[in-house]
Structure formats: C-alpha cells, structure tokens
Amino acid sequence: MAKLVDYDAEMMNIDRQILQLFVQKLDLAQKAVQQKLQQKELLATRGEDIEADATQLELSQRPEYRAYLRDLLRDLRIITRQYQALLYQKNIDKKD
C-alpha cells in the first residue's frame, strides 16, 4: 500500500507538468496575439470560449469530475485572456 507522502509527491510532480504545459499555452497565446495583430483580428469571444470548453468537457472520461474540470478550464482561459489583453495593451502603447 502506498504511503500518503507518495501520493503527495506524485501530485506535486503532476503540478509541475501542468505548469510546464501552461507555459507552452502562454507561448502559443503570445503567438496568437502576434498573428491576430498582423491580420487586424480580435481574439475569440467569450461565447466561443464557452463552446470550446463544453466540447472539451464532453471528452472527459470521468463525468464525476466535470464540474471541477469546467472550473479549471474557465480559470485557465481567464488567465490566458488576461495575458493576451496585456500583450494587446503593450502593442497599443507602443504605437502611441
């Protein structure tokens, strides 16, 4: 039987992996902003984000976790959009 400490260490390892993946997501978010600025486009709307989240949640193999996963996706999306908004603002400030 595994010790509780082993579970904690495994969860911390997974957290590190999640953080590494989120860094990759922010890198992609930055590239998306650069592309959108070049093409004079706006980012996705909240409605598009909600629809994308729903599609991803449908793929979840564990329905009992969906409420938590929905919250996680929402929070990740909020942080990503905040970062992208900062990049947009920096671009606007640079032009002025």
Protein backbone atom coordinates (compact mmCIF):
# COMPACT_ATOMS: atom_id res chain seq x y z
CA MET A 1 0.00 0.00 0.00
CA ALA A 2 1.38 3.41 -0.96
CA LYS A 3 2.08 5.93 1.73
CA LEU A 4 0.24 9.28 1.78
CA VAL A 5 3.60 11.00 1.22
CA ASP A 6 3.96 9.09 -2.05
CA TYR A 7 0.61 10.45 -3.26
CA ASP A 8 1.62 13.99 -2.31
CA ALA A 9 4.89 13.68 -4.22
CA GLU A 10 3.09 12.31 -7.25
CA MET A 11 0.55 15.16 -7.15
CA MET A 12 3.39 17.69 -6.92
CA ASN A 13 5.04 16.08 -9.94
CA ILE A 14 1.78 16.37 -11.89
CA ASP A 15 1.50 20.03 -10.82
CA ARG A 16 4.96 20.67 -12.29
CA GLN A 17 3.87 19.04 -15.54
CA ILE A 18 0.70 21.15 -15.61
CA LEU A 19 2.77 24.30 -15.08
CA GLN A 20 5.09 23.34 -17.93
CA LEU A 21 2.09 22.79 -20.19
CA PHE A 22 0.59 26.13 -19.16
CA VAL A 23 3.86 27.86 -20.08
CA GLN A 24 3.51 26.25 -23.51
CA LYS A 25 -0.08 27.51 -23.68
CA LEU A 26 1.01 31.07 -22.85
CA ASP A 27 3.72 30.85 -25.52
CA LEU A 28 1.01 29.89 -28.02
CA ALA A 29 -1.25 32.65 -26.71
CA GLN A 30 1.51 35.15 -27.39
CA LYS A 31 1.94 33.85 -30.94
CA ALA A 32 -1.83 34.01 -31.46
CA VAL A 33 -1.84 37.67 -30.41
CA GLN A 34 1.01 38.47 -32.79
CA GLN A 35 -0.83 36.77 -35.64
CA LYS A 36 -4.14 38.44 -34.80
CA LEU A 37 -2.45 41.85 -34.66
CA GLN A 38 -0.87 41.31 -38.07
CA GLN A 39 -4.22 40.28 -39.52
CA LYS A 40 -6.06 43.02 -37.61
CA GLU A 41 -8.33 40.46 -35.95
CA LEU A 42 -9.72 40.21 -32.44
CA LEU A 43 -9.34 37.30 -30.06
CA ALA A 44 -12.07 34.71 -29.67
CA THR A 45 -15.22 35.82 -27.92
CA ARG A 46 -16.45 34.56 -24.57
CA GLY A 47 -19.16 32.61 -26.38
CA GLU A 48 -16.56 30.83 -28.49
CA ASP A 49 -14.56 30.07 -25.34
CA ILE A 50 -17.61 28.59 -23.59
CA GLU A 51 -18.40 26.45 -26.62
CA ALA A 52 -14.81 25.19 -26.80
CA ASP A 53 -14.83 24.36 -23.09
CA ALA A 54 -18.08 22.40 -23.46
CA THR A 55 -16.60 20.40 -26.32
CA GLN A 56 -13.51 19.57 -24.27
CA LEU A 57 -15.61 18.58 -21.25
CA GLU A 58 -17.64 16.17 -23.37
CA LEU A 59 -14.39 14.28 -24.00
CA SER A 60 -13.84 13.76 -20.28
CA GLN A 61 -13.91 10.09 -19.35
CA ARG A 62 -14.82 10.92 -15.75
CA PRO A 63 -18.23 12.65 -15.54
CA GLU A 64 -17.89 12.99 -11.76
CA TYR A 65 -15.01 15.45 -12.35
CA ARG A 66 -16.72 17.62 -14.98
CA ALA A 67 -17.74 20.43 -12.61
CA TYR A 68 -14.15 20.73 -11.39
CA LEU A 69 -12.74 20.48 -14.89
CA ARG A 70 -15.16 23.18 -16.07
CA ASP A 71 -13.86 25.48 -13.32
CA LEU A 72 -10.27 24.66 -14.23
CA LEU A 73 -10.85 25.39 -17.93
CA ARG A 74 -12.60 28.65 -17.07
CA ASP A 75 -9.75 29.77 -14.83
CA LEU A 76 -7.10 28.79 -17.36
CA ARG A 77 -8.97 30.65 -20.07
CA ILE A 78 -9.33 33.77 -17.88
CA ILE A 79 -5.60 33.83 -17.13
CA THR A 80 -4.74 33.27 -20.79
CA ARG A 81 -7.07 36.06 -21.93
CA GLN A 82 -5.66 38.42 -19.28
CA TYR A 83 -2.17 37.74 -20.62
CA GLN A 84 -3.31 38.31 -24.19
CA ALA A 85 -5.05 41.54 -23.20
CA LEU A 86 -1.78 42.72 -21.63
CA LEU A 87 0.04 41.95 -24.88
CA TYR A 88 -2.59 43.87 -26.86
CA GLN A 89 -2.27 46.84 -24.50
CA LYS A 90 1.52 46.84 -24.81
CA ASN A 91 1.13 46.88 -28.59
CA ILE A 92 -1.26 49.85 -28.40
CA ASP A 93 1.04 51.72 -26.00
CA LYS A 94 3.99 51.07 -28.31
CA LYS A 95 2.12 52.66 -31.26
CA ASP A 96 1.28 55.82 -29.29
